[in-house]
Amino acid sequence: MQTSAHDNQRGGAEALLDALPKPIADYIEANARLDVDAMLKPFAADAVLFDIGRPHAGQAALRTLFEQEVVAVKAIFTPDSLRHEDGKVVVEGPAHGHFKGSPIRFTYAFALENETIKTLEITL
């Protein structure tokens, strides 16, 4: 099933956030505020984030990644589509910020476990 923010009568990113599992919505909302502590909260203690193939494992590594490559360049991901694929929640949309090529369209594939984000794979 694929859902677009435009399919919902309320429209926009708010409608898409409402359709997401809570840990993912919480992460995306925290990213919009560039709040590192809130961005980390939905992730499992042993979560792994693959940033265009580069793995970052555990909360300390994720904090460093978020501080250096998200907050430092004010990179905000704004999802505009959602689908479920191979047991993952896949969200796509542009990221805007102070980085070369902005905005760039990304795909975020989340795997959840026990109401937390276990893995996140970010690809172009």
PDB file of N, CA and C in Angstrom:
ATOM      1  N   MET A   1       0.837  -1.179   0.000  1.00  0.00           N
ATOM      2  CA  MET A   1       0.000   0.000   0.000  1.00  0.00           C
ATOM      3  C   MET A   1       0.874   1.232   0.000  1.00  0.00           C
ATOM      4  N   GLN A   2       0.591   2.162  -0.856  1.00  0.00           N
ATOM      5  CA  GLN A   2       1.329   3.417  -0.896  1.00  0.00           C
ATOM      6  C   GLN A   2       0.372   4.544  -0.570  1.00  0.00           C
ATOM      7  N   THR A   3       0.832   5.437   0.284  1.00  0.00           N
ATOM      8  CA  THR A   3       0.032   6.573   0.686  1.00  0.00           C
ATOM      9  C   THR A   3       0.802   7.828   0.371  1.00  0.00           C
ATOM     10  N   SER A   4       0.141   8.775  -0.194  1.00  0.00           N
ATOM     11  CA  SER A   4       0.745  10.068  -0.444  1.00  0.00           C
ATOM     12  C   SER A   4       0.054  11.077   0.449  1.00  0.00           C
ATOM     13  N   ALA A   5       0.800  12.071   0.879  1.00  0.00           N
ATOM     14  CA  ALA A   5       0.202  13.119   1.717  1.00  0.00           C
ATOM     15  C   ALA A   5      -0.971  13.764   0.990  1.00  0.00           C
ATOM     16  N   HIS A   6      -0.927  13.740  -0.330  1.00  0.00           N
ATOM     17  CA  HIS A   6      -1.983  14.381  -1.105  1.00  0.00           C
ATOM     18  C   HIS A   6      -3.275  13.552  -1.132  1.00  0.00           C
ATOM     19  N   ASP A   7      -3.178  12.262  -0.733  1.00  0.00           N
ATOM     20  CA  ASP A   7      -4.354  11.410  -0.751  1.00  0.00           C
ATOM     21  C   ASP A   7      -5.311  11.716   0.406  1.00  0.00           C
ATOM     22  N   ASN A   8      -4.799  12.306   1.453  1.00  0.00           N
ATOM     23  CA  ASN A   8      -5.604  12.565   2.632  1.00  0.00           C
ATOM     24  C   ASN A   8      -6.276  13.923   2.498  1.00  0.00           C
ATOM     25  N   GLN A   9      -7.536  14.009   2.913  1.00  0.00           N
ATOM     26  CA  GLN A   9      -8.260  15.271   2.746  1.00  0.00           C
ATOM     27  C   GLN A   9      -7.646  16.404   3.567  1.00  0.00           C
ATOM     28  N   ARG A  10      -6.962  16.071   4.680  1.00  0.00           N
ATOM     29  CA  ARG A  10      -6.300  17.105   5.463  1.00  0.00           C
ATOM     30  C   ARG A  10      -5.053  17.589   4.741  1.00  0.00           C
ATOM     31  N   GLY A  11      -4.462  16.701   3.928  1.00  0.00           N
ATOM     32  CA  GLY A  11      -3.336  17.066   3.091  1.00  0.00           C
ATOM     33  C   GLY A  11      -2.067  17.362   3.872  1.00  0.00           C
ATOM     34  N   GLY A  12      -0.987  17.568   3.125  1.00  0.00           N
ATOM     35  CA  GLY A  12       0.264  18.011   3.690  1.00  0.00           C
ATOM     36  C   GLY A  12       0.979  16.993   4.555  1.00  0.00           C
ATOM     37  N   ALA A  13       2.102  17.450   5.102  1.00  0.00           N
ATOM     38  CA  ALA A  13       2.947  16.594   5.922  1.00  0.00           C
ATOM     39  C   ALA A  13       2.238  16.141   7.188  1.00  0.00           C
ATOM     40  N   GLU A  14       1.345  16.949   7.723  1.00  0.00           N
ATOM     41  CA  GLU A  14       0.628  16.590   8.951  1.00  0.00           C
ATOM     42  C   GLU A  14      -0.173  15.309   8.755  1.00  0.00           C
ATOM     43  N   ALA A  15      -0.838  15.174   7.624  1.00  0.00           N
ATOM     44  CA  ALA A  15      -1.618  13.968   7.344  1.00  0.00           C
ATOM     45  C   ALA A  15      -0.704  12.753   7.236  1.00  0.00           C
ATOM     46  N   LEU A  16       0.449  12.918   6.613  1.00  0.00           N
ATOM     47  CA  LEU A  16       1.386  11.815   6.476  1.00  0.00           C
ATOM     48  C   LEU A  16       1.923  11.414   7.850  1.00  0.00           C
ATOM     49  N   LEU A  17       2.252  12.390   8.683  1.00  0.00           N
ATOM     50  CA  LEU A  17       2.730  12.082  10.032  1.00  0.00           C
ATOM     51  C   LEU A  17       1.691  11.293  10.818  1.00  0.00           C
ATOM     52  N   ASP A  18       0.427  11.631  10.654  1.00  0.00           N
ATOM     53  CA  ASP A  18      -0.646  10.923  11.343  1.00  0.00           C
ATOM     54  C   ASP A  18      -0.714   9.452  10.930  1.00  0.00           C
ATOM     55  N   ALA A  19      -0.289   9.142   9.710  1.00  0.00           N
ATOM     56  CA  ALA A  19      -0.349   7.776   9.193  1.00  0.00           C
ATOM     57  C   ALA A  19       0.864   6.935   9.604  1.00  0.00           C
ATOM     58  N   LEU A  20       1.898   7.571  10.128  1.00  0.00           N
ATOM     59  CA  LEU A  20       3.128   6.868  10.486  1.00  0.00           C
ATOM     60  C   LEU A  20       3.030   6.245  11.878  1.00  0.00           C
ATOM     61  N   PRO A  21       3.747   5.135  12.083  1.00  0.00           N
ATOM     62  CA  PRO A  21       3.870   4.614  13.446  1.00  0.00           C
ATOM     63  C   PRO A  21       4.501   5.689  14.337  1.00  0.00           C
ATOM     64  N   LYS A  22       4.121   5.711  15.611  1.00  0.00           N
ATOM     65  CA  LYS A  22       4.543   6.769  16.524  1.00  0.00           C
ATOM     66  C   LYS A  22       6.062   6.983  16.579  1.00  0.00           C
ATOM     67  N   PRO A  23       6.904   5.939  16.681  1.00  0.00           N
ATOM     68  CA  PRO A  23       8.343   6.216  16.767  1.00  0.00           C
ATOM     69  C   PRO A  23       8.882   6.971  15.544  1.00  0.00           C
ATOM     70  N   ILE A  24       8.354   6.649  14.373  1.00  0.00           N
ATOM     71  CA  ILE A  24       8.816   7.306  13.152  1.00  0.00           C
ATOM     72  C   ILE A  24       8.315   8.750  13.111  1.00  0.00           C
ATOM     73  N   ALA A  25       7.054   8.947  13.439  1.00  0.00           N
ATOM     74  CA  ALA A  25       6.499  10.305  13.479  1.00  0.00           C
ATOM     75  C   ALA A  25       7.256  11.162  14.492  1.00  0.00           C
ATOM     76  N   ASP A  26       7.566  10.580  15.653  1.00  0.00           N
ATOM     77  CA  ASP A  26       8.307  11.319  16.673  1.00  0.00           C
ATOM     78  C   ASP A  26       9.686  11.740  16.164  1.00  0.00           C
ATOM     79  N   TYR A  27      10.367  10.818  15.474  1.00  0.00           N
ATOM     80  CA  TYR A  27      11.689  11.130  14.920  1.00  0.00           C
ATOM     81  C   TYR A  27      11.592  12.268  13.894  1.00  0.00           C
ATOM     82  N   ILE A  28      10.641  12.179  12.988  1.00  0.00           N
ATOM     83  CA  ILE A  28      10.505  13.190  11.933  1.00  0.00           C
ATOM     84  C   ILE A  28      10.139  14.548  12.526  1.00  0.00           C
ATOM     85  N   GLU A  29       9.252  14.549  13.512  1.00  0.00           N
ATOM     86  CA  GLU A  29       8.887  15.815  14.161  1.00  0.00           C
ATOM     87  C   GLU A  29      10.075  16.417  14.900  1.00  0.00           C
ATOM     88  N   ALA A  30      10.883  15.578  15.565  1.00  0.00           N
ATOM     89  CA  ALA A  30      12.073  16.067  16.268  1.00  0.00           C
ATOM     90  C   ALA A  30      13.101  16.607  15.284  1.00  0.00           C
ATOM     91  N   ASN A  31      13.233  15.940  14.124  1.00  0.00           N
ATOM     92  CA  ASN A  31      14.144  16.424  13.090  1.00  0.00           C
ATOM     93  C   ASN A  31      13.723  17.801  12.603  1.00  0.00           C
ATOM     94  N   ALA A  32      12.435  18.027  12.475  1.00  0.00           N
ATOM     95  CA  ALA A  32      11.939  19.336  12.023  1.00  0.00           C
ATOM     96  C   ALA A  32      12.322  20.443  13.006  1.00  0.00           C
ATOM     97  N   ARG A  33      12.483  20.078  14.285  1.00  0.00           N
ATOM     98  CA  ARG A  33      12.893  21.045  15.317  1.00  0.00           C
ATOM     99  C   ARG A  33      14.407  21.052  15.522  1.00  0.00           C
ATOM    100  N   LEU A  34      15.121  20.137  14.839  1.00  0.00           N
ATOM    101  CA  LEU A  34      16.566  19.949  15.009  1.00  0.00           C
ATOM    102  C   LEU A  34      16.915  19.686  16.477  1.00  0.00           C
ATOM    103  N   ASP A  35      16.091  18.866  17.125  1.00  0.00           N
ATOM    104  CA  ASP A  35      16.222  18.517  18.540  1.00  0.00           C
ATOM    105  C   ASP A  35      16.881  17.138  18.638  1.00  0.00           C
ATOM    106  N   VAL A  36      18.195  17.116  18.884  1.00  0.00           N
ATOM    107  CA  VAL A  36      18.947  15.858  18.876  1.00  0.00           C
ATOM    108  C   VAL A  36      18.431  14.875  19.925  1.00  0.00           C
ATOM    109  N   ASP A  37      18.194  15.333  21.154  1.00  0.00           N
ATOM    110  CA  ASP A  37      17.711  14.422  22.194  1.00  0.00           C
ATOM    111  C   ASP A  37      16.394  13.769  21.790  1.00  0.00           C
ATOM    112  N   ALA A  38      15.484  14.546  21.252  1.00  0.00           N
ATOM    113  CA  ALA A  38      14.189  14.005  20.818  1.00  0.00           C
ATOM    114  C   ALA A  38      14.342  13.117  19.586  1.00  0.00           C
ATOM    115  N   MET A  39      15.314  13.408  18.721  1.00  0.00           N
ATOM    116  CA  MET A  39      15.557  12.557  17.558  1.00  0.00           C
ATOM    117  C   MET A  39      16.048  11.176  17.996  1.00  0.00           C
ATOM    118  N   LEU A  40      16.846  11.131  19.060  1.00  0.00           N
ATOM    119  CA  LEU A  40      17.405   9.867  19.545  1.00  0.00           C
ATOM    120  C   LEU A  40      16.380   9.008  20.268  1.00  0.00           C
ATOM    121  N   LYS A  41      15.439   9.639  20.932  1.00  0.00           N
ATOM    122  CA  LYS A  41      14.509   8.936  21.820  1.00  0.00           C
ATOM    123  C   LYS A  41      13.781   7.754  21.165  1.00  0.00           C
ATOM    124  N   PRO A  42      13.304   7.846  19.910  1.00  0.00           N
ATOM    125  CA  PRO A  42      12.569   6.713  19.320  1.00  0.00           C
ATOM    126  C   PRO A  42      13.445   5.529  18.921  1.00  0.00           C
ATOM    127  N   PHE A  43      14.776   5.687  18.957  1.00  0.00           N
ATOM    128  CA  PHE A  43      15.675   4.622  18.517  1.00  0.00           C
ATOM    129  C   PHE A  43      15.975   3.653  19.650  1.00  0.00           C
ATOM    130  N   ALA A  44      16.054   2.362  19.323  1.00  0.00           N
ATOM    131  CA  ALA A  44      16.481   1.341  20.280  1.00  0.00           C
ATOM    132  C   ALA A  44      17.925   1.636  20.686  1.00  0.00           C
ATOM    133  N   ALA A  45      18.310   1.168  21.869  1.00  0.00           N
ATOM    134  CA  ALA A  45      19.673   1.401  22.365  1.00  0.00           C
ATOM    135  C   ALA A  45      20.729   0.856  21.402  1.00  0.00           C
ATOM    136  N   ASP A  46      20.404  -0.247  20.729  1.00  0.00           N
ATOM    137  CA  ASP A  46      21.355  -0.867  19.802  1.00  0.00           C
ATOM    138  C   ASP A  46      20.978  -0.638  18.332  1.00  0.00           C
ATOM    139  N   ALA A  47      20.238   0.408  18.079  1.00  0.00           N
ATOM    140  CA  ALA A  47      19.794   0.701  16.711  1.00  0.00           C
ATOM    141  C   ALA A  47      20.982   0.950  15.784  1.00  0.00           C
ATOM    142  N   VAL A  48      20.743   0.675  14.512  1.00  0.00           N
ATOM    143  CA  VAL A  48      21.753   0.944  13.488  1.00  0.00           C
ATOM    144  C   VAL A  48      21.114   1.816  12.410  1.00  0.00           C
ATOM    145  N   LEU A  49      21.795   2.899  12.074  1.00  0.00           N
ATOM    146  CA  LEU A  49      21.355   3.785  11.007  1.00  0.00           C
ATOM    147  C   LEU A  49      22.395   3.689   9.893  1.00  0.00           C
ATOM    148  N   PHE A  50      21.922   3.357   8.693  1.00  0.00           N
ATOM    149  CA  PHE A  50      22.790   3.294   7.522  1.00  0.00           C
ATOM    150  C   PHE A  50      22.575   4.578   6.730  1.00  0.00           C
ATOM    151  N   ASP A  51      23.551   5.468   6.769  1.00  0.00           N
ATOM    152  CA  ASP A  51      23.474   6.747   6.079  1.00  0.00           C
ATOM    153  C   ASP A  51      24.173   6.608   4.740  1.00  0.00           C
ATOM    154  N   ILE A  52      23.388   6.358   3.704  1.00  0.00           N
ATOM    155  CA  ILE A  52      23.887   6.117   2.356  1.00  0.00           C
ATOM    156  C   ILE A  52      25.021   5.088   2.404  1.00  0.00           C
ATOM    157  N   GLY A  53      24.718   3.966   3.074  1.00  0.00           N
ATOM    158  CA  GLY A  53      25.633   2.844   3.146  1.00  0.00           C
ATOM    159  C   GLY A  53      26.568   2.837   4.341  1.00  0.00           C
ATOM    160  N   ARG A  54      26.775   3.962   4.992  1.00  0.00           N
ATOM    161  CA  ARG A  54      27.688   4.024   6.139  1.00  0.00           C
ATOM    162  C   ARG A  54      26.927   3.701   7.421  1.00  0.00           C
ATOM    163  N   PRO A  55      27.326   2.627   8.141  1.00  0.00           N
ATOM    164  CA  PRO A  55      26.601   2.256   9.356  1.00  0.00           C
ATOM    165  C   PRO A  55      27.024   3.099  10.565  1.00  0.00           C
ATOM    166  N   HIS A  56      26.038   3.425  11.387  1.00  0.00           N
ATOM    167  CA  HIS A  56      26.236   4.123  12.656  1.00  0.00           C
ATOM    168  C   HIS A  56      25.434   3.320  13.672  1.00  0.00           C
ATOM    169  N   ALA A  57      26.122   2.681  14.637  1.00  0.00           N
ATOM    170  CA  ALA A  57      25.462   1.776  15.565  1.00  0.00           C
ATOM    171  C   ALA A  57      25.469   2.338  16.983  1.00  0.00           C
ATOM    172  N   GLY A  58      24.296   2.300  17.619  1.00  0.00           N
ATOM    173  CA  GLY A  58      24.168   2.722  18.998  1.00  0.00           C
ATOM    174  C   GLY A  58      23.891   4.202  19.159  1.00  0.00           C
ATOM    175  N   GLN A  59      23.400   4.560  20.343  1.00  0.00           N
ATOM    176  CA  GLN A  59      22.973   5.933  20.624  1.00  0.00           C
ATOM    177  C   GLN A  59      24.111   6.948  20.494  1.00  0.00           C
ATOM    178  N   ALA A  60      25.312   6.615  20.968  1.00  0.00           N
ATOM    179  CA  ALA A  60      26.428   7.577  20.903  1.00  0.00           C
ATOM    180  C   ALA A  60      26.782   7.906  19.452  1.00  0.00           C
ATOM    181  N   ALA A  61      26.828   6.886  18.605  1.00  0.00           N
ATOM    182  CA  ALA A  61      27.145   7.107  17.193  1.00  0.00           C
ATOM    183  C   ALA A  61      26.034   7.896  16.504  1.00  0.00           C
ATOM    184  N   LEU A  62      24.792   7.606  16.860  1.00  0.00           N
ATOM    185  CA  LEU A  62      23.672   8.341  16.265  1.00  0.00           C
ATOM    186  C   LEU A  62      23.704   9.805  16.700  1.00  0.00           C
ATOM    187  N   ARG A  63      24.007  10.053  17.972  1.00  0.00           N
ATOM    188  CA  ARG A  63      24.095  11.434  18.455  1.00  0.00           C
ATOM    189  C   ARG A  63      25.150  12.209  17.654  1.00  0.00           C
ATOM    190  N   THR A  64      26.312  11.619  17.474  1.00  0.00           N
ATOM    191  CA  THR A  64      27.386  12.278  16.714  1.00  0.00           C
ATOM    192  C   THR A  64      26.927  12.559  15.288  1.00  0.00           C
ATOM    193  N   LEU A  65      26.303  11.570  14.657  1.00  0.00           N
ATOM    194  CA  LEU A  65      25.799  11.746  13.294  1.00  0.00           C
ATOM    195  C   LEU A  65      24.789  12.890  13.236  1.00  0.00           C
ATOM    196  N   PHE A  66      23.809  12.885  14.128  1.00  0.00           N
ATOM    197  CA  PHE A  66      22.780  13.926  14.120  1.00  0.00           C
ATOM    198  C   PHE A  66      23.375  15.310  14.374  1.00  0.00           C
ATOM    199  N   GLU A  67      24.315  15.405  15.294  1.00  0.00           N
ATOM    200  CA  GLU A  67      24.919  16.700  15.602  1.00  0.00           C
ATOM    201  C   GLU A  67      25.757  17.217  14.435  1.00  0.00           C
ATOM    202  N   GLN A  68      26.550  16.331  13.817  1.00  0.00           N
ATOM    203  CA  GLN A  68      27.489  16.763  12.782  1.00  0.00           C
ATOM    204  C   GLN A  68      26.893  16.852  11.385  1.00  0.00           C
ATOM    205  N   GLU A  69      25.909  15.986  11.069  1.00  0.00           N
ATOM    206  CA  GLU A  69      25.430  15.934   9.693  1.00  0.00           C
ATOM    207  C   GLU A  69      23.965  16.311   9.523  1.00  0.00           C
ATOM    208  N   VAL A  70      23.286  16.599  10.614  1.00  0.00           N
ATOM    209  CA  VAL A  70      21.895  17.035  10.517  1.00  0.00           C
ATOM    210  C   VAL A  70      21.772  18.448  11.086  1.00  0.00           C
ATOM    211  N   VAL A  71      22.021  18.588  12.377  1.00  0.00           N
ATOM    212  CA  VAL A  71      21.861  19.889  13.026  1.00  0.00           C
ATOM    213  C   VAL A  71      22.855  20.913  12.470  1.00  0.00           C
ATOM    214  N   ALA A  72      24.095  20.507  12.264  1.00  0.00           N
ATOM    215  CA  ALA A  72      25.127  21.446  11.797  1.00  0.00           C
ATOM    216  C   ALA A  72      24.767  22.100  10.464  1.00  0.00           C
ATOM    217  N   VAL A  73      24.043  21.371   9.615  1.00  0.00           N
ATOM    218  CA  VAL A  73      23.671  21.914   8.303  1.00  0.00           C
ATOM    219  C   VAL A  73      22.171  22.172   8.196  1.00  0.00           C
ATOM    220  N   LYS A  74      21.485  22.075   9.343  1.00  0.00           N
ATOM    221  CA  LYS A  74      20.038  22.321   9.408  1.00  0.00           C
ATOM    222  C   LYS A  74      19.270  21.482   8.383  1.00  0.00           C
ATOM    223  N   ALA A  75      19.628  20.188   8.309  1.00  0.00           N
ATOM    224  CA  ALA A  75      18.996  19.267   7.361  1.00  0.00           C
ATOM    225  C   ALA A  75      17.666  18.773   7.923  1.00  0.00           C
ATOM    226  N   ILE A  76      16.601  19.164   7.274  1.00  0.00           N
ATOM    227  CA  ILE A  76      15.260  18.777   7.700  1.00  0.00           C
ATOM    228  C   ILE A  76      14.595  17.958   6.604  1.00  0.00           C
ATOM    229  N   PHE A  77      14.221  16.731   6.975  1.00  0.00           N
ATOM    230  CA  PHE A  77      13.564  15.799   6.064  1.00  0.00           C
ATOM    231  C   PHE A  77      12.061  16.039   6.118  1.00  0.00           C
ATOM    232  N   THR A  78      11.454  16.214   4.941  1.00  0.00           N
ATOM    233  CA  THR A  78      10.016  16.473   4.856  1.00  0.00           C
ATOM    234  C   THR A  78       9.373  15.381   4.000  1.00  0.00           C
ATOM    235  N   PRO A  79       8.882  14.328   4.626  1.00  0.00           N
ATOM    236  CA  PRO A  79       8.329  13.215   3.858  1.00  0.00           C
ATOM    237  C   PRO A  79       7.055  13.597   3.108  1.00  0.00           C
ATOM    238  N   ASP A  80       6.912  13.020   1.917  1.00  0.00           N
ATOM    239  CA  ASP A  80       5.703  13.273   1.136  1.00  0.00           C
ATOM    240  C   ASP A  80       5.056  11.986   0.623  1.00  0.00           C
ATOM    241  N   SER A  81       5.660  10.831   0.928  1.00  0.00           N
ATOM    242  CA  SER A  81       5.019   9.567   0.552  1.00  0.00           C
ATOM    243  C   SER A  81       5.405   8.479   1.547  1.00  0.00           C
ATOM    244  N   LEU A  82       4.540   7.475   1.629  1.00  0.00           N
ATOM    245  CA  LEU A  82       4.689   6.398   2.601  1.00  0.00           C
ATOM    246  C   LEU A  82       4.240   5.102   1.957  1.00  0.00           C
ATOM    247  N   ARG A  83       5.007   4.037   2.203  1.00  0.00           N
ATOM    248  CA  ARG A  83       4.586   2.706   1.772  1.00  0.00           C
ATOM    249  C   ARG A  83       5.169   1.674   2.736  1.00  0.00           C
ATOM    250  N   HIS A  84       4.585   0.498   2.726  1.00  0.00           N
ATOM    251  CA  HIS A  84       5.076  -0.616   3.535  1.00  0.00           C
ATOM    252  C   HIS A  84       5.670  -1.627   2.568  1.00  0.00           C
ATOM    253  N   GLU A  85       6.927  -2.038   2.841  1.00  0.00           N
ATOM    254  CA  GLU A  85       7.640  -2.888   1.898  1.00  0.00           C
ATOM    255  C   GLU A  85       8.578  -3.821   2.661  1.00  0.00           C
ATOM    256  N   ASP A  86       8.436  -5.121   2.475  1.00  0.00           N
ATOM    257  CA  ASP A  86       9.311  -6.115   3.101  1.00  0.00           C
ATOM    258  C   ASP A  86       9.422  -5.929   4.614  1.00  0.00           C
ATOM    259  N   GLY A  87       8.312  -5.648   5.265  1.00  0.00           N
ATOM    260  CA  GLY A  87       8.300  -5.492   6.709  1.00  0.00           C
ATOM    261  C   GLY A  87       8.832  -4.158   7.203  1.00  0.00           C
ATOM    262  N   LYS A  88       9.122  -3.263   6.291  1.00  0.00           N
ATOM    263  CA  LYS A  88       9.639  -1.950   6.665  1.00  0.00           C
ATOM    264  C   LYS A  88       8.641  -0.859   6.310  1.00  0.00           C
ATOM    265  N   VAL A  89       8.762   0.258   7.006  1.00  0.00           N
ATOM    266  CA  VAL A  89       7.986   1.453   6.695  1.00  0.00           C
ATOM    267  C   VAL A  89       8.918   2.349   5.882  1.00  0.00           C
ATOM    268  N   VAL A  90       8.551   2.601   4.633  1.00  0.00           N
ATOM    269  CA  VAL A  90       9.400   3.361   3.724  1.00  0.00           C
ATOM    270  C   VAL A  90       8.768   4.726   3.476  1.00  0.00           C
ATOM    271  N   VAL A  91       9.549   5.763   3.778  1.00  0.00           N
ATOM    272  CA  VAL A  91       9.081   7.132   3.664  1.00  0.00           C
ATOM    273  C   VAL A  91      10.036   7.862   2.726  1.00  0.00           C
ATOM    274  N   GLU A  92       9.475   8.621   1.791  1.00  0.00           N
ATOM    275  CA  GLU A  92      10.304   9.368   0.842  1.00  0.00           C
ATOM    276  C   GLU A  92       9.963  10.843   0.899  1.00  0.00           C
ATOM    277  N   GLY A  93      10.953  11.660   0.556  1.00  0.00           N
ATOM    278  CA  GLY A  93      10.723  13.095   0.493  1.00  0.00           C
ATOM    279  C   GLY A  93      12.030  13.853   0.431  1.00  0.00           C
ATOM    280  N   PRO A  94      11.929  15.169   0.289  1.00  0.00           N
ATOM    281  CA  PRO A  94      13.138  15.990   0.206  1.00  0.00           C
ATOM    282  C   PRO A  94      13.685  16.352   1.581  1.00  0.00           C
ATOM    283  N   ALA A  95      14.994  16.551   1.632  1.00  0.00           N
ATOM    284  CA  ALA A  95      15.641  17.140   2.805  1.00  0.00           C
ATOM    285  C   ALA A  95      16.190  18.488   2.356  1.00  0.00           C
ATOM    286  N   HIS A  96      15.886  19.498   3.138  1.00  0.00           N
ATOM    287  CA  HIS A  96      16.339  20.862   2.863  1.00  0.00           C
ATOM    288  C   HIS A  96      17.346  21.247   3.933  1.00  0.00           C
ATOM    289  N   GLY A  97      18.299  22.069   3.572  1.00  0.00           N
ATOM    290  CA  GLY A  97      19.253  22.554   4.568  1.00  0.00           C
ATOM    291  C   GLY A  97      20.370  23.323   3.909  1.00  0.00           C
ATOM    292  N   HIS A  98      21.398  23.566   4.691  1.00  0.00           N
ATOM    293  CA  HIS A  98      22.565  24.300   4.209  1.00  0.00           C
ATOM    294  C   HIS A  98      23.636  23.303   3.794  1.00  0.00           C
ATOM    295  N   PHE A  99      23.352  22.567   2.717  1.00  0.00           N
ATOM    296  CA  PHE A  99      24.305  21.593   2.190  1.00  0.00           C
ATOM    297  C   PHE A  99      24.207  21.587   0.675  1.00  0.00           C
ATOM    298  N   LYS A 100      25.293  21.159   0.039  1.00  0.00           N
ATOM    299  CA  LYS A 100      25.379  21.154  -1.414  1.00  0.00           C
ATOM    300  C   LYS A 100      24.254  20.317  -2.023  1.00  0.00           C
ATOM    301  N   GLY A 101      23.557  20.898  -3.003  1.00  0.00           N
ATOM    302  CA  GLY A 101      22.504  20.190  -3.713  1.00  0.00           C
ATOM    303  C   GLY A 101      21.129  20.306  -3.084  1.00  0.00           C
ATOM    304  N   SER A 102      21.021  20.988  -1.953  1.00  0.00           N
ATOM    305  CA  SER A 102      19.731  21.108  -1.264  1.00  0.00           C
ATOM    306  C   SER A 102      18.692  21.776  -2.151  1.00  0.00           C
ATOM    307  N   PRO A 103      17.481  21.230  -2.180  1.00  0.00           N
ATOM    308  CA  PRO A 103      17.016  20.018  -1.502  1.00  0.00           C
ATOM    309  C   PRO A 103      17.408  18.755  -2.269  1.00  0.00           C
ATOM    310  N   ILE A 104      17.589  17.679  -1.520  1.00  0.00           N
ATOM    311  CA  ILE A 104      17.891  16.365  -2.087  1.00  0.00           C
ATOM    312  C   ILE A 104      16.793  15.406  -1.641  1.00  0.00           C
ATOM    313  N   ARG A 105      16.328  14.584  -2.574  1.00  0.00           N
ATOM    314  CA  ARG A 105      15.271  13.613  -2.254  1.00  0.00           C
ATOM    315  C   ARG A 105      15.893  12.342  -1.674  1.00  0.00           C
ATOM    316  N   PHE A 106      15.364  11.912  -0.541  1.00  0.00           N
ATOM    317  CA  PHE A 106      15.864  10.731   0.145  1.00  0.00           C
ATOM    318  C   PHE A 106      14.748   9.709   0.344  1.00  0.00           C
ATOM    319  N   THR A 107      15.164   8.463   0.541  1.00  0.00           N
ATOM    320  CA  THR A 107      14.270   7.389   0.953  1.00  0.00           C
ATOM    321  C   THR A 107      14.752   6.910   2.315  1.00  0.00           C
ATOM    322  N   TYR A 108      13.836   6.858   3.273  1.00  0.00           N
ATOM    323  CA  TYR A 108      14.118   6.380   4.622  1.00  0.00           C
ATOM    324  C   TYR A 108      13.338   5.082   4.812  1.00  0.00           C
ATOM    325  N   ALA A 109      14.041   3.986   5.053  1.00  0.00           N
ATOM    326  CA  ALA A 109      13.402   2.688   5.295  1.00  0.00           C
ATOM    327  C   ALA A 109      13.606   2.323   6.764  1.00  0.00           C
ATOM    328  N   PHE A 110      12.515   2.326   7.522  1.00  0.00           N
ATOM    329  CA  PHE A 110      12.549   2.069   8.958  1.00  0.00           C
ATOM    330  C   PHE A 110      12.120   0.646   9.256  1.00  0.00           C
ATOM    331  N   ALA A 111      12.839  -0.015  10.164  1.00  0.00           N
ATOM    332  CA  ALA A 111      12.402  -1.292  10.723  1.00  0.00           C
ATOM    333  C   ALA A 111      12.161  -1.055  12.211  1.00  0.00           C
ATOM    334  N   LEU A 112      10.985  -1.452  12.664  1.00  0.00           N
ATOM    335  CA  LEU A 112      10.600  -1.234  14.057  1.00  0.00           C
ATOM    336  C   LEU A 112      10.684  -2.538  14.851  1.00  0.00           C
ATOM    337  N   GLU A 113      10.958  -2.385  16.148  1.00  0.00           N
ATOM    338  CA  GLU A 113      10.955  -3.522  17.065  1.00  0.00           C
ATOM    339  C   GLU A 113      10.583  -2.996  18.441  1.00  0.00           C
ATOM    340  N   ASN A 114       9.554  -3.578  19.052  1.00  0.00           N
ATOM    341  CA  ASN A 114       9.123  -3.175  20.394  1.00  0.00           C
ATOM    342  C   ASN A 114       8.890  -1.666  20.514  1.00  0.00           C
ATOM    343  N   GLU A 115       8.169  -1.108  19.560  1.00  0.00           N
ATOM    344  CA  GLU A 115       7.813   0.324  19.574  1.00  0.00           C
ATOM    345  C   GLU A 115       9.021   1.253  19.511  1.00  0.00           C
ATOM    346  N   THR A 116      10.140   0.756  18.957  1.00  0.00           N
ATOM    347  CA  THR A 116      11.318   1.602  18.744  1.00  0.00           C
ATOM    348  C   THR A 116      11.822   1.390  17.322  1.00  0.00           C
ATOM    349  N   ILE A 117      12.650   2.323  16.864  1.00  0.00           N
ATOM    350  CA  ILE A 117      13.296   2.184  15.558  1.00  0.00           C
ATOM    351  C   ILE A 117      14.533   1.312  15.761  1.00  0.00           C
ATOM    352  N   LYS A 118      14.545   0.161  15.116  1.00  0.00           N
ATOM    353  CA  LYS A 118      15.665  -0.777  15.220  1.00  0.00           C
ATOM    354  C   LYS A 118      16.720  -0.480  14.163  1.00  0.00           C
ATOM    355  N   THR A 119      16.262  -0.230  12.926  1.00  0.00           N
ATOM    356  CA  THR A 119      17.179   0.171  11.860  1.00  0.00           C
ATOM    357  C   THR A 119      16.535   1.249  11.020  1.00  0.00           C
ATOM    358  N   LEU A 120      17.394   2.088  10.473  1.00  0.00           N
ATOM    359  CA  LEU A 120      16.982   3.105   9.509  1.00  0.00           C
ATOM    360  C   LEU A 120      18.002   3.106   8.399  1.00  0.00           C
ATOM    361  N   GLU A 121      17.541   2.874   7.176  1.00  0.00           N
ATOM    362  CA  GLU A 121      18.399   2.920   6.001  1.00  0.00           C
ATOM    363  C   GLU A 121      18.021   4.134   5.178  1.00  0.00           C
ATOM    364  N   ILE A 122      18.975   5.067   5.041  1.00  0.00           N
ATOM    365  CA  ILE A 122      18.754   6.291   4.273  1.00  0.00           C
ATOM    366  C   ILE A 122      19.493   6.135   2.950  1.00  0.00           C
ATOM    367  N   THR A 123      18.755   6.279   1.844  1.00  0.00           N
ATOM    368  CA  THR A 123      19.337   6.185   0.517  1.00  0.00           C
ATOM    369  C   THR A 123      18.862   7.350  -0.346  1.00  0.00           C
ATOM    370  N   LEU A 124      19.596   7.578  -1.414  1.00  0.00           N
ATOM    371  CA  LEU A 124      19.214   8.613  -2.374  1.00  0.00           C
ATOM    372  C   LEU A 124      18.212   8.070  -3.359  1.00  0.00           C
TER     373      LEU A 124
END
